[in-house]
Amino acid sequence: MTKGLTYEDAGVDIEAGERLVDRIKPLAKRTMIPEVLGGLGGFAGLCRVPSGLEEPVLVSGTDGVGTKLRVAFLAGKHDTVGIDL
């Protein structure tokens, strides 16, 4: 059985990433306003939008091309992967 590629094999240091997040959490918390519905983490943020709409919520997200590439391979269509970058 062949060993699959790991994050570590690809040069990713997950523990270093976690240490960085721990260091920037206090800085991120200083930017919190009452409209923010969540905390630091994940790939998206939720924020109330003060307006005349009934309970609007702004969702802000970021993600790499990994998910898009997976969908592209499944669909056999790769020419649109980087359009929104």
Foldseek 3Di string as FASTA:
>chain_A
DDDDDDCVNVVDDVVVVVVVCVVCQVVQVVPDDPQWDDGDDDFWTWGFDPDPDDGDIDIGGDDDLPVVVVVCVVVVHDPCSPVVD
